[in-house]
Amino acid sequence: MSRVSATRTLENALRRAGFPHVAGVDEVGRGCLAGPVMAGAVILNPDRHIPGLADSKVVPPDERADLYDEIVRHALAWAVASTDPLDIDRLNIHQASLDAMRRAVLVLSPLPDVVLVDAFRIPGIPMEQRGIHKGDRRCSAIAAASIVAKVTRDREMTALHQADPRYGFDRHKGYATAEHLAAMALHGYSEAHRRSFKPASLFATIT
């Protein structure tokens, strides 16, 4: 995926239309076999431009960490919320992602006047919202939320690796890499794994 810098065009238009606090929301970890799904919500400061914001998937790790520091230092508000593997299994991954996004939005202070979401609409929030197709590539606030969520989740996966190094969570962050699948075939599921996610290649070896 090529890197496309996100812009402030939509946020600026909404602010001119009378919505001063525009939040971007995104989630990461939806397709992982282990670890939480993590949602970020960010209200950027219109007077503190942060260059280089883009979809977290196309930003190198060192640059992501630098952008994370810039976002949390200069944003008007930011928050993260996560849903753990037990609740992912209970709710399903789509509902678990929506729940994390809803909680991230509702703890922002100030609360946003309007919420821009990557692709989805979030049930249960009292403010205006818009689902933006490929929003993490187009909208700076959504890109910032993606970066905050990604860096926070990666750090949590590194901590899970330190507690249980058998699976290599610090390297693949819970995604279904060959290394991860081989470790699961050898060791089975850990408490960090989503038991409702069963790769077909492992049906014969993991229960």
C-alpha atoms as a PDB file:
ATOM      1  CA  MET A   1       0.000   0.000   0.000  1.00  0.00           C
ATOM      2  CA  SER A   2       1.481   3.343  -1.027  1.00  0.00           C
ATOM      3  CA  ARG A   3       1.629   6.160   1.480  1.00  0.00           C
ATOM      4  CA  VAL A   4      -0.854   8.997   1.004  1.00  0.00           C
ATOM      5  CA  SER A   5      -0.724  11.914   3.418  1.00  0.00           C
ATOM      6  CA  ALA A   6      -4.070  12.640   5.037  1.00  0.00           C
ATOM      7  CA  THR A   7      -5.444  16.174   4.823  1.00  0.00           C
ATOM      8  CA  ARG A   8      -7.446  18.528   7.038  1.00  0.00           C
ATOM      9  CA  THR A   9      -9.882  19.462   4.259  1.00  0.00           C
ATOM     10  CA  LEU A  10     -12.939  17.779   5.743  1.00  0.00           C
ATOM     11  CA  GLU A  11     -12.217  18.866   9.321  1.00  0.00           C
ATOM     12  CA  ASN A  12     -11.711  22.463   8.216  1.00  0.00           C
ATOM     13  CA  ALA A  13     -14.996  22.439   6.296  1.00  0.00           C
ATOM     14  CA  LEU A  14     -16.844  21.083   9.326  1.00  0.00           C
ATOM     15  CA  ARG A  15     -15.317  23.685  11.612  1.00  0.00           C
ATOM     16  CA  ARG A  16     -16.404  26.436   9.215  1.00  0.00           C
ATOM     17  CA  ALA A  17     -19.906  24.909   9.267  1.00  0.00           C
ATOM     18  CA  GLY A  18     -20.139  25.313  13.054  1.00  0.00           C
ATOM     19  CA  PHE A  19     -18.617  22.075  14.423  1.00  0.00           C
ATOM     20  CA  PRO A  20     -15.507  23.303  16.280  1.00  0.00           C
ATOM     21  CA  HIS A  21     -14.464  19.988  17.821  1.00  0.00           C
ATOM     22  CA  VAL A  22     -14.048  17.335  15.114  1.00  0.00           C
ATOM     23  CA  ALA A  23     -12.973  13.889  16.278  1.00  0.00           C
ATOM     24  CA  GLY A  24     -11.457  11.173  14.130  1.00  0.00           C
ATOM     25  CA  VAL A  25     -11.939   7.547  15.179  1.00  0.00           C
ATOM     26  CA  ASP A  26     -10.307   4.330  13.985  1.00  0.00           C
ATOM     27  CA  GLU A  27      -9.583   0.831  15.234  1.00  0.00           C
ATOM     28  CA  VAL A  28      -6.638  -1.548  14.843  1.00  0.00           C
ATOM     29  CA  GLY A  29      -6.195  -5.250  15.466  1.00  0.00           C
ATOM     30  CA  ARG A  30      -9.488  -6.320  13.938  1.00  0.00           C
ATOM     31  CA  GLY A  31      -7.921  -9.146  11.913  1.00  0.00           C
ATOM     32  CA  CYS A  32      -5.526 -10.473  14.556  1.00  0.00           C
ATOM     33  CA  LEU A  33      -5.634 -13.926  16.122  1.00  0.00           C
ATOM     34  CA  ALA A  34      -4.502 -12.619  19.524  1.00  0.00           C
ATOM     35  CA  GLY A  35      -4.650  -9.511  21.648  1.00  0.00           C
ATOM     36  CA  PRO A  36      -7.270  -6.794  21.949  1.00  0.00           C
ATOM     37  CA  VAL A  37      -8.948  -4.733  19.302  1.00  0.00           C
ATOM     38  CA  MET A  38      -7.927  -1.140  20.051  1.00  0.00           C
ATOM     39  CA  ALA A  39      -9.771   2.059  19.130  1.00  0.00           C
ATOM     40  CA  GLY A  40      -8.353   5.564  19.045  1.00  0.00           C
ATOM     41  CA  ALA A  41     -10.226   8.865  19.068  1.00  0.00           C
ATOM     42  CA  VAL A  42      -8.500  12.203  18.467  1.00  0.00           C
ATOM     43  CA  ILE A  43      -9.568  15.845  18.266  1.00  0.00           C
ATOM     44  CA  LEU A  44      -6.681  17.622  16.577  1.00  0.00           C
ATOM     45  CA  ASN A  45      -5.801  21.207  17.412  1.00  0.00           C
ATOM     46  CA  PRO A  46      -6.480  23.281  14.257  1.00  0.00           C
ATOM     47  CA  ASP A  47      -3.688  25.652  15.299  1.00  0.00           C
ATOM     48  CA  ARG A  48      -1.043  22.902  15.650  1.00  0.00           C
ATOM     49  CA  HIS A  49      -0.610  21.197  12.289  1.00  0.00           C
ATOM     50  CA  ILE A  50       1.130  17.804  12.489  1.00  0.00           C
ATOM     51  CA  PRO A  51       2.738  16.997   9.134  1.00  0.00           C
ATOM     52  CA  GLY A  52       3.067  13.399   7.964  1.00  0.00           C
ATOM     53  CA  LEU A  53      -0.198  11.984   9.301  1.00  0.00           C
ATOM     54  CA  ALA A  54      -1.253   8.923   7.315  1.00  0.00           C
ATOM     55  CA  ASP A  55      -2.847   5.522   7.726  1.00  0.00           C
ATOM     56  CA  SER A  56      -0.817   3.801  10.459  1.00  0.00           C
ATOM     57  CA  LYS A  57      -0.330   0.721   8.272  1.00  0.00           C
ATOM     58  CA  VAL A  58       1.895   2.649   5.856  1.00  0.00           C
ATOM     59  CA  VAL A  59       3.933   4.616   8.433  1.00  0.00           C
ATOM     60  CA  PRO A  60       7.218   2.983   9.572  1.00  0.00           C
ATOM     61  CA  PRO A  61       7.313   2.064  13.287  1.00  0.00           C
ATOM     62  CA  ASP A  62       9.887   4.684  14.337  1.00  0.00           C
ATOM     63  CA  GLU A  63       7.972   7.435  12.553  1.00  0.00           C
ATOM     64  CA  ARG A  64       4.695   6.171  14.020  1.00  0.00           C
ATOM     65  CA  ALA A  65       6.163   6.523  17.505  1.00  0.00           C
ATOM     66  CA  ASP A  66       7.285  10.087  16.753  1.00  0.00           C
ATOM     67  CA  LEU A  67       3.850  10.981  15.355  1.00  0.00           C
ATOM     68  CA  TYR A  68       2.204   9.421  18.417  1.00  0.00           C
ATOM     69  CA  ASP A  69       4.243  11.729  20.645  1.00  0.00           C
ATOM     70  CA  GLU A  70       3.247  14.738  18.545  1.00  0.00           C
ATOM     71  CA  ILE A  71      -0.432  13.794  18.589  1.00  0.00           C
ATOM     72  CA  VAL A  72      -0.723  13.226  22.340  1.00  0.00           C
ATOM     73  CA  ARG A  73       1.280  16.392  23.044  1.00  0.00           C
ATOM     74  CA  HIS A  74      -0.662  18.758  20.790  1.00  0.00           C
ATOM     75  CA  ALA A  75      -4.166  17.323  20.277  1.00  0.00           C
ATOM     76  CA  LEU A  76      -7.092  19.036  21.988  1.00  0.00           C
ATOM     77  CA  ALA A  77      -8.177  15.593  23.200  1.00  0.00           C
ATOM     78  CA  TRP A  78      -7.289  11.963  22.598  1.00  0.00           C
ATOM     79  CA  ALA A  79      -8.314   8.608  24.016  1.00  0.00           C
ATOM     80  CA  VAL A  80      -7.908   4.891  23.441  1.00  0.00           C
ATOM     81  CA  ALA A  81     -10.195   2.035  24.442  1.00  0.00           C
ATOM     82  CA  SER A  82      -9.815  -1.684  23.905  1.00  0.00           C
ATOM     83  CA  THR A  83     -11.891  -4.837  23.891  1.00  0.00           C
ATOM     84  CA  ASP A  84     -10.096  -7.932  25.143  1.00  0.00           C
ATOM     85  CA  PRO A  85     -10.132 -11.418  23.580  1.00  0.00           C
ATOM     86  CA  LEU A  86     -12.797 -12.784  25.938  1.00  0.00           C
ATOM     87  CA  ASP A  87     -15.209 -10.024  24.980  1.00  0.00           C
ATOM     88  CA  ILE A  88     -14.289 -10.326  21.299  1.00  0.00           C
ATOM     89  CA  ASP A  89     -15.290 -13.995  21.495  1.00  0.00           C
ATOM     90  CA  ARG A  90     -18.485 -13.091  23.327  1.00  0.00           C
ATOM     91  CA  LEU A  91     -19.580 -10.179  21.131  1.00  0.00           C
ATOM     92  CA  ASN A  92     -17.954 -10.992  17.722  1.00  0.00           C
ATOM     93  CA  ILE A  93     -15.190  -8.840  16.289  1.00  0.00           C
ATOM     94  CA  HIS A  94     -17.424  -6.291  14.566  1.00  0.00           C
ATOM     95  CA  GLN A  95     -19.440  -5.514  17.693  1.00  0.00           C
ATOM     96  CA  ALA A  96     -16.280  -5.546  19.808  1.00  0.00           C
ATOM     97  CA  SER A  97     -14.686  -2.973  17.484  1.00  0.00           C
ATOM     98  CA  LEU A  98     -17.751  -0.727  17.600  1.00  0.00           C
ATOM     99  CA  ASP A  99     -17.854  -0.985  21.401  1.00  0.00           C
ATOM    100  CA  ALA A 100     -14.204   0.070  21.704  1.00  0.00           C
ATOM    101  CA  MET A 101     -14.767   3.011  19.334  1.00  0.00           C
ATOM    102  CA  ARG A 102     -17.863   4.128  21.242  1.00  0.00           C
ATOM    103  CA  ARG A 103     -16.006   4.097  24.570  1.00  0.00           C
ATOM    104  CA  ALA A 104     -13.035   5.978  23.122  1.00  0.00           C
ATOM    105  CA  VAL A 105     -15.323   8.745  21.826  1.00  0.00           C
ATOM    106  CA  LEU A 106     -17.291   9.084  25.042  1.00  0.00           C
ATOM    107  CA  VAL A 107     -14.231   9.665  27.252  1.00  0.00           C
ATOM    108  CA  LEU A 108     -12.911  12.547  25.139  1.00  0.00           C
ATOM    109  CA  SER A 109     -12.837  15.883  26.933  1.00  0.00           C
ATOM    110  CA  PRO A 110     -14.095  18.062  25.440  1.00  0.00           C
ATOM    111  CA  LEU A 111     -16.638  15.828  23.767  1.00  0.00           C
ATOM    112  CA  PRO A 112     -16.641  16.235  19.988  1.00  0.00           C
ATOM    113  CA  ASP A 113     -19.344  18.085  18.081  1.00  0.00           C
ATOM    114  CA  VAL A 114     -19.016  15.662  15.192  1.00  0.00           C
ATOM    115  CA  VAL A 115     -17.257  12.324  14.756  1.00  0.00           C
ATOM    116  CA  LEU A 116     -15.541  11.073  11.590  1.00  0.00           C
ATOM    117  CA  VAL A 117     -15.148   7.302  11.516  1.00  0.00           C
ATOM    118  CA  ASP A 118     -13.111   5.117   9.210  1.00  0.00           C
ATOM    119  CA  ALA A 119     -15.810   3.256   7.238  1.00  0.00           C
ATOM    120  CA  PHE A 120     -18.330   2.562  10.019  1.00  0.00           C
ATOM    121  CA  ARG A 121     -20.977   4.429  11.941  1.00  0.00           C
ATOM    122  CA  ILE A 122     -20.826   3.968  15.721  1.00  0.00           C
ATOM    123  CA  PRO A 123     -24.076   3.131  17.545  1.00  0.00           C
ATOM    124  CA  GLY A 124     -24.771   4.686  20.921  1.00  0.00           C
ATOM    125  CA  ILE A 125     -23.038   8.046  20.632  1.00  0.00           C
ATOM    126  CA  PRO A 126     -25.053  11.269  20.999  1.00  0.00           C
ATOM    127  CA  MET A 127     -23.235  13.457  18.474  1.00  0.00           C
ATOM    128  CA  GLU A 128     -23.313  13.815  14.713  1.00  0.00           C
ATOM    129  CA  GLN A 129     -21.103  11.383  12.825  1.00  0.00           C
ATOM    130  CA  ARG A 130     -19.992  10.445   9.333  1.00  0.00           C
ATOM    131  CA  GLY A 131     -18.488   7.197   8.077  1.00  0.00           C
ATOM    132  CA  ILE A 132     -15.643   8.017   5.673  1.00  0.00           C
ATOM    133  CA  HIS A 133     -14.572   5.462   3.071  1.00  0.00           C
ATOM    134  CA  LYS A 134     -10.793   4.955   3.439  1.00  0.00           C
ATOM    135  CA  GLY A 135     -10.917   7.662   6.081  1.00  0.00           C
ATOM    136  CA  ASP A 136      -7.523   6.780   7.560  1.00  0.00           C
ATOM    137  CA  ARG A 137      -5.968   7.718   4.216  1.00  0.00           C
ATOM    138  CA  ARG A 138      -8.065  10.836   3.587  1.00  0.00           C
ATOM    139  CA  CYS A 139      -8.726  12.535   6.915  1.00  0.00           C
ATOM    140  CA  SER A 140      -5.990  13.737   9.273  1.00  0.00           C
ATOM    141  CA  ALA A 141      -8.033  13.218  12.454  1.00  0.00           C
ATOM    142  CA  ILE A 142      -8.826   9.611  11.511  1.00  0.00           C
ATOM    143  CA  ALA A 143      -5.184   9.003  10.566  1.00  0.00           C
ATOM    144  CA  ALA A 144      -4.137  10.388  13.958  1.00  0.00           C
ATOM    145  CA  ALA A 145      -6.602   8.067  15.696  1.00  0.00           C
ATOM    146  CA  SER A 146      -5.207   5.147  13.710  1.00  0.00           C
ATOM    147  CA  ILE A 147      -1.659   5.976  14.805  1.00  0.00           C
ATOM    148  CA  VAL A 148      -2.573   6.424  18.474  1.00  0.00           C
ATOM    149  CA  ALA A 149      -4.438   3.111  18.486  1.00  0.00           C
ATOM    150  CA  LYS A 150      -1.692   1.268  16.605  1.00  0.00           C
ATOM    151  CA  VAL A 151       1.178   2.450  18.802  1.00  0.00           C
ATOM    152  CA  THR A 152      -0.795   1.727  21.985  1.00  0.00           C
ATOM    153  CA  ARG A 153      -1.749  -1.749  20.791  1.00  0.00           C
ATOM    154  CA  ASP A 154       1.775  -2.596  19.611  1.00  0.00           C
ATOM    155  CA  ARG A 155       3.128  -1.665  23.034  1.00  0.00           C
ATOM    156  CA  GLU A 156       0.518  -3.883  24.683  1.00  0.00           C
ATOM    157  CA  MET A 157       1.471  -6.792  22.416  1.00  0.00           C
ATOM    158  CA  THR A 158       5.130  -6.293  23.333  1.00  0.00           C
ATOM    159  CA  ALA A 159       4.140  -6.481  27.007  1.00  0.00           C
ATOM    160  CA  LEU A 160       2.219  -9.710  26.301  1.00  0.00           C
ATOM    161  CA  HIS A 161       5.361 -11.088  24.658  1.00  0.00           C
ATOM    162  CA  GLN A 162       7.404 -10.280  27.738  1.00  0.00           C
ATOM    163  CA  ALA A 163       4.886 -12.191  29.864  1.00  0.00           C
ATOM    164  CA  ASP A 164       4.763 -15.161  27.459  1.00  0.00           C
ATOM    165  CA  PRO A 165       7.489 -15.197  24.767  1.00  0.00           C
ATOM    166  CA  ARG A 166       6.410 -18.471  23.134  1.00  0.00           C
ATOM    167  CA  TYR A 167       4.364 -16.829  20.349  1.00  0.00           C
ATOM    168  CA  GLY A 168       6.521 -13.887  19.229  1.00  0.00           C
ATOM    169  CA  PHE A 169       3.843 -11.243  19.841  1.00  0.00           C
ATOM    170  CA  ASP A 170       6.505  -8.518  19.814  1.00  0.00           C
ATOM    171  CA  ARG A 171       7.221  -9.291  16.150  1.00  0.00           C
ATOM    172  CA  HIS A 172       3.864 -10.059  14.514  1.00  0.00           C
ATOM    173  CA  LYS A 173       1.603  -8.268  17.034  1.00  0.00           C
ATOM    174  CA  GLY A 174      -0.936 -11.100  16.956  1.00  0.00           C
ATOM    175  CA  TYR A 175      -1.461 -11.263  13.190  1.00  0.00           C
ATOM    176  CA  ALA A 176      -1.606 -14.616  11.400  1.00  0.00           C
ATOM    177  CA  THR A 177       1.992 -14.826  10.205  1.00  0.00           C
ATOM    178  CA  ALA A 178       3.655 -18.170   9.483  1.00  0.00           C
ATOM    179  CA  GLU A 179       5.683 -17.775  12.693  1.00  0.00           C
ATOM    180  CA  HIS A 180       2.554 -17.175  14.747  1.00  0.00           C
ATOM    181  CA  LEU A 181       0.631 -20.074  13.193  1.00  0.00           C
ATOM    182  CA  ALA A 182       3.563 -22.419  13.832  1.00  0.00           C
ATOM    183  CA  ALA A 183       3.731 -21.319  17.481  1.00  0.00           C
ATOM    184  CA  MET A 184      -0.007 -21.851  17.892  1.00  0.00           C
ATOM    185  CA  ALA A 185       0.276 -25.329  16.370  1.00  0.00           C
ATOM    186  CA  LEU A 186       3.040 -26.129  18.870  1.00  0.00           C
ATOM    187  CA  HIS A 187       1.679 -24.486  22.018  1.00  0.00           C
ATOM    188  CA  GLY A 188      -2.073 -24.154  21.439  1.00  0.00           C
ATOM    189  CA  TYR A 189      -4.103 -21.108  22.416  1.00  0.00           C
ATOM    190  CA  SER A 190      -2.937 -18.795  25.189  1.00  0.00           C
ATOM    191  CA  GLU A 191      -5.114 -16.502  27.280  1.00  0.00           C
ATOM    192  CA  ALA A 192      -4.257 -13.735  24.807  1.00  0.00           C
ATOM    193  CA  HIS A 193      -5.796 -15.612  21.858  1.00  0.00           C
ATOM    194  CA  ARG A 194      -9.275 -15.165  20.448  1.00  0.00           C
ATOM    195  CA  ARG A 195     -10.738 -18.644  20.547  1.00  0.00           C
ATOM    196  CA  SER A 196     -13.446 -17.762  18.041  1.00  0.00           C
ATOM    197  CA  PHE A 197     -10.675 -17.139  15.460  1.00  0.00           C
ATOM    198  CA  LYS A 198      -9.737 -20.598  14.175  1.00  0.00           C
ATOM    199  CA  PRO A 199      -7.437 -20.681  11.143  1.00  0.00           C
ATOM    200  CA  ALA A 200      -8.393 -23.646   8.981  1.00  0.00           C
ATOM    201  CA  SER A 201      -4.774 -24.830   8.857  1.00  0.00           C
ATOM    202  CA  LEU A 202      -4.838 -25.326  12.629  1.00  0.00           C
ATOM    203  CA  PHE A 203      -8.162 -27.171  13.047  1.00  0.00           C
ATOM    204  CA  ALA A 204      -6.383 -30.492  13.262  1.00  0.00           C
ATOM    205  CA  THR A 205      -3.859 -29.388  15.877  1.00  0.00           C
ATOM    206  CA  ILE A 206      -5.590 -26.847  18.152  1.00  0.00           C
ATOM    207  CA  THR A 207      -8.693 -27.398  20.247  1.00  0.00           C
END
